[in-house]
Protein backbone atom coordinates (compact mmCIF):
# COMPACT_ATOMS: atom_id res chain seq x y z
CA MET A 1 17.11 11.08 26.43
CA LYS A 2 15.49 12.72 23.64
CA THR A 3 11.91 11.79 24.53
CA ALA A 4 12.54 12.50 28.47
CA SER A 5 13.96 15.78 27.43
CA TRP A 6 10.42 16.55 25.15
CA ILE A 7 8.33 15.45 28.18
CA VAL A 8 10.18 17.81 30.70
CA ARG A 9 10.52 20.65 28.01
CA ASN A 10 6.98 20.59 27.13
CA HIS A 11 5.34 19.76 30.64
CA TRP A 12 7.25 22.15 32.80
CA ALA A 13 8.15 24.44 29.87
CA SER A 14 11.59 24.54 30.66
CA ASP A 15 14.45 26.55 28.87
CA GLU A 16 16.93 24.63 30.36
CA ILE A 17 16.28 21.41 28.34
CA ALA A 18 16.80 20.78 24.25
CA VAL A 19 15.23 18.13 22.46
CA LEU A 20 17.94 17.11 20.00
CA ASP A 21 16.20 15.93 16.92
CA VAL A 22 17.64 15.42 13.55
CA HIS A 23 16.80 18.61 12.56
CA VAL A 24 18.37 20.30 15.39
CA ILE A 25 21.66 18.24 14.89
CA ARG A 26 21.94 18.83 11.36
CA ALA A 27 21.33 23.14 11.70
CA GLY A 28 23.57 22.94 14.55
CA ILE A 29 26.74 21.22 12.40
CA ALA A 30 25.47 23.52 9.36
CA ALA A 31 25.84 26.59 11.93
CA GLY A 32 29.54 25.49 13.17
CA ILE A 33 27.76 25.27 16.63
CA PHE A 34 27.91 21.32 16.91
CA PRO A 35 31.28 19.35 15.68
CA LYS A 36 30.52 17.50 12.59
CA GLU A 37 30.53 14.29 14.12
CA ALA A 38 27.94 15.48 16.61
CA ASP A 39 26.06 12.18 17.85
CA PRO A 40 23.34 12.48 20.58
CA ARG A 41 23.61 8.83 21.28
CA THR A 42 27.10 9.41 22.96
CA GLY A 43 27.35 13.04 23.75
CA TYR A 44 23.42 14.20 24.32
CA ARG A 45 24.37 16.33 27.50
CA GLU A 46 26.97 18.35 25.67
CA LEU A 47 25.14 18.97 22.52
CA GLU A 48 22.30 19.76 24.78
CA GLU A 49 24.55 22.59 26.63
CA LEU A 50 25.59 24.02 23.49
CA PHE A 51 22.16 24.25 21.87
CA ILE A 52 20.99 26.27 24.93
CA LEU A 53 23.97 28.53 24.76
CA TRP A 54 23.23 28.76 21.38
CA ALA A 55 19.52 30.01 21.87
CA ASN A 56 20.81 31.85 24.70
CA THR A 57 23.28 34.04 22.24
CA GLY A 58 20.06 34.79 20.36
CA ASP A 59 18.17 35.83 23.34
CA VAL A 60 15.30 33.18 22.65
CA SER A 61 14.50 29.88 24.51
CA ALA A 62 15.58 26.54 23.38
CA ALA A 63 12.02 25.65 22.25
CA THR A 64 11.81 28.62 20.13
CA LEU A 65 14.93 27.86 18.32
CA ASP A 66 13.87 24.45 17.66
CA ALA A 67 10.82 25.46 16.29
CA VAL A 68 12.40 28.26 14.03
CA ILE A 69 14.72 25.44 12.77
CA TRP A 70 12.13 22.72 12.24
CA SER A 71 9.83 25.22 10.61
CA GLU A 72 12.89 26.66 8.30
CA GLN A 73 13.99 23.15 7.07
CA ALA A 74 10.26 22.12 6.38
CA TYR A 75 9.79 25.05 4.09
CA TRP A 76 13.14 24.43 2.26
CA SER A 77 12.35 20.84 1.95
CA ARG A 78 9.12 21.69 0.46
CA VAL A 79 10.50 24.11 -1.68
CA GLN A 80 13.13 21.64 -3.00
CA LYS A 81 10.18 19.09 -3.96
CA GLY A 82 8.27 21.92 -5.64
CA LEU A 83 5.70 22.03 -3.54
């Protein structure tokens, strides 16, 4: 499902599609958007809807929220490693 969502989002520039990678799941759990037991293998559609609502609440596209989450997690990972 993740690969199909990625293709649709990037090919058609759709804001109604979320790509639920591990960084998105971790951020969603940390922010209280997703339940602690969130598992995209069994609840992808429900998590996708929550993620899109989260993006809409911030008045940004799902792709933008995804990119910001990825960027922040990459930055903090480098900081923790002392890079």
